[in-house]
Amino acid sequence: MWAPSGRELYYLGLPDAARPSDVRLFAVGFAATAPVGIGQPRLLFETPRLVVTTTPLRGYDIAPDGRRFLFLQRPDTPPAPFPCEMHVVLNWFEELKAKVPAGR
């Protein structure tokens, strides 16, 4: 992904061997000169929670001013399981009246 200024390119790098589950985001300077100027890559972020997609959509973006990133992150805890059963209570009002006297 290009920086809004057009002078940097951001890319996801391969995981570090010591932390293979981490996703690493790098930046490299770029100058459209003759010959093309490409700087040294520098690590910006490293996180195990960054969402990496294999579709054309990225799991990250940069603000228009180029000062902040927005990341999709995996949650710390797995989502709650989808409910697989439902309890329907019929005539519950009659049961309530039987258990609680009317004068209360």
Protein backbone atom coordinates (compact mmCIF):
# COMPACT_ATOMS: atom_id res chain seq x y z
CA MET A 1 0.00 0.00 0.00
CA TRP A 2 1.32 3.43 -0.90
CA ALA A 3 1.60 6.22 1.66
CA PRO A 4 -0.61 9.23 0.84
CA SER A 5 2.56 11.20 0.06
CA GLY A 6 3.63 8.61 -2.54
CA ARG A 7 7.12 8.51 -1.00
CA GLU A 8 6.73 5.28 1.00
CA LEU A 9 5.43 1.82 0.33
CA TYR A 10 3.96 -0.31 3.14
CA TYR A 11 3.93 -4.08 2.94
CA LEU A 12 3.47 -7.19 5.06
CA GLY A 13 6.66 -9.13 5.61
CA LEU A 14 7.31 -12.76 6.35
CA PRO A 15 7.04 -13.79 10.00
CA ASP A 16 10.16 -13.86 12.15
CA ALA A 17 11.38 -17.41 12.85
CA ALA A 18 11.29 -16.69 16.59
CA ARG A 19 7.65 -15.52 16.45
CA PRO A 20 6.01 -17.29 13.50
CA SER A 21 2.44 -16.26 14.42
CA ASP A 22 3.24 -12.54 14.31
CA VAL A 23 2.42 -10.39 11.31
CA ARG A 24 4.99 -7.72 10.47
CA LEU A 25 4.27 -4.44 8.67
CA PHE A 26 7.22 -2.72 6.99
CA ALA A 27 7.79 0.63 5.28
CA VAL A 28 10.32 1.39 2.59
CA GLY A 29 11.13 4.79 1.17
CA PHE A 30 10.62 5.34 -2.55
CA ALA A 31 11.73 8.08 -4.92
CA ALA A 32 10.60 8.17 -8.55
CA THR A 33 13.96 9.29 -9.85
CA ALA A 34 16.24 7.90 -12.54
CA PRO A 35 17.34 5.39 -11.35
CA VAL A 36 14.47 4.64 -8.99
CA GLY A 37 15.45 5.22 -5.35
CA ILE A 38 14.41 2.51 -2.90
CA GLY A 39 15.40 2.89 0.75
CA GLN A 40 16.07 0.34 3.46
CA PRO A 41 12.96 -1.45 4.78
CA ARG A 42 12.07 -0.64 8.37
CA LEU A 43 9.75 -2.55 10.69
CA LEU A 44 6.74 -0.49 11.76
CA PHE A 45 4.55 -2.99 13.62
CA GLU A 46 4.65 -6.59 14.71
CA THR A 47 1.56 -8.19 16.19
CA PRO A 48 -0.01 -11.65 16.46
CA ARG A 49 -3.52 -10.17 16.24
CA LEU A 50 -3.42 -8.40 12.87
CA VAL A 51 -5.97 -9.81 10.44
CA VAL A 52 -4.28 -10.85 7.22
CA THR A 53 -6.61 -11.51 4.33
CA THR A 54 -5.88 -13.35 1.11
CA THR A 55 -8.45 -11.37 -0.85
CA PRO A 56 -7.83 -8.04 -2.56
CA LEU A 57 -8.97 -6.33 0.66
CA ARG A 58 -6.30 -5.45 3.23
CA GLY A 59 -6.65 -5.85 6.99
CA TYR A 60 -5.05 -2.43 7.46
CA ASP A 61 -5.14 1.08 6.03
CA ILE A 62 -3.53 4.46 6.62
CA ALA A 63 -5.19 7.77 7.46
CA PRO A 64 -5.26 10.36 4.67
CA ASP A 65 -2.69 12.50 6.54
CA GLY A 66 -0.32 9.49 6.72
CA ARG A 67 0.11 9.74 10.48
CA ARG A 68 -2.06 6.84 11.73
CA PHE A 69 -2.84 3.27 10.77
CA LEU A 70 -6.09 1.40 11.18
CA PHE A 71 -5.88 -2.36 11.71
CA LEU A 72 -8.43 -5.14 11.84
CA GLN A 73 -7.47 -7.31 14.77
CA ARG A 74 -8.47 -10.74 15.90
CA PRO A 75 -10.22 -10.67 19.29
CA ASP A 76 -8.28 -11.70 22.40
CA THR A 77 -10.90 -14.30 23.18
CA PRO A 78 -12.82 -16.48 20.78
CA PRO A 79 -16.37 -15.35 20.06
CA ALA A 80 -19.19 -16.87 22.08
CA PRO A 81 -20.71 -19.92 20.43
CA PHE A 82 -23.89 -19.39 18.50
CA PRO A 83 -26.91 -20.53 20.58
CA CYS A 84 -28.06 -23.93 19.42
CA GLU A 85 -31.21 -24.27 21.52
CA MET A 86 -34.06 -22.09 22.69
CA HIS A 87 -36.37 -22.60 25.65
CA VAL A 88 -39.98 -21.47 25.23
CA VAL A 89 -42.01 -21.15 28.41
CA LEU A 90 -45.76 -21.31 27.90
CA ASN A 91 -48.30 -19.96 30.37
CA TRP A 92 -45.60 -18.37 32.50
CA PHE A 93 -47.94 -15.62 33.71
CA GLU A 94 -50.31 -18.20 35.24
CA GLU A 95 -47.38 -19.86 36.99
CA LEU A 96 -46.25 -16.46 38.31
CA LYS A 97 -49.74 -15.74 39.69
CA ALA A 98 -49.77 -19.14 41.43
CA LYS A 99 -46.39 -18.53 43.08
CA VAL A 100 -46.94 -14.86 44.10
CA PRO A 101 -50.17 -13.99 45.90
CA ALA A 102 -52.19 -11.14 44.34
CA GLY A 103 -51.99 -8.84 47.40
CA ARG A 104 -48.23 -8.31 47.24
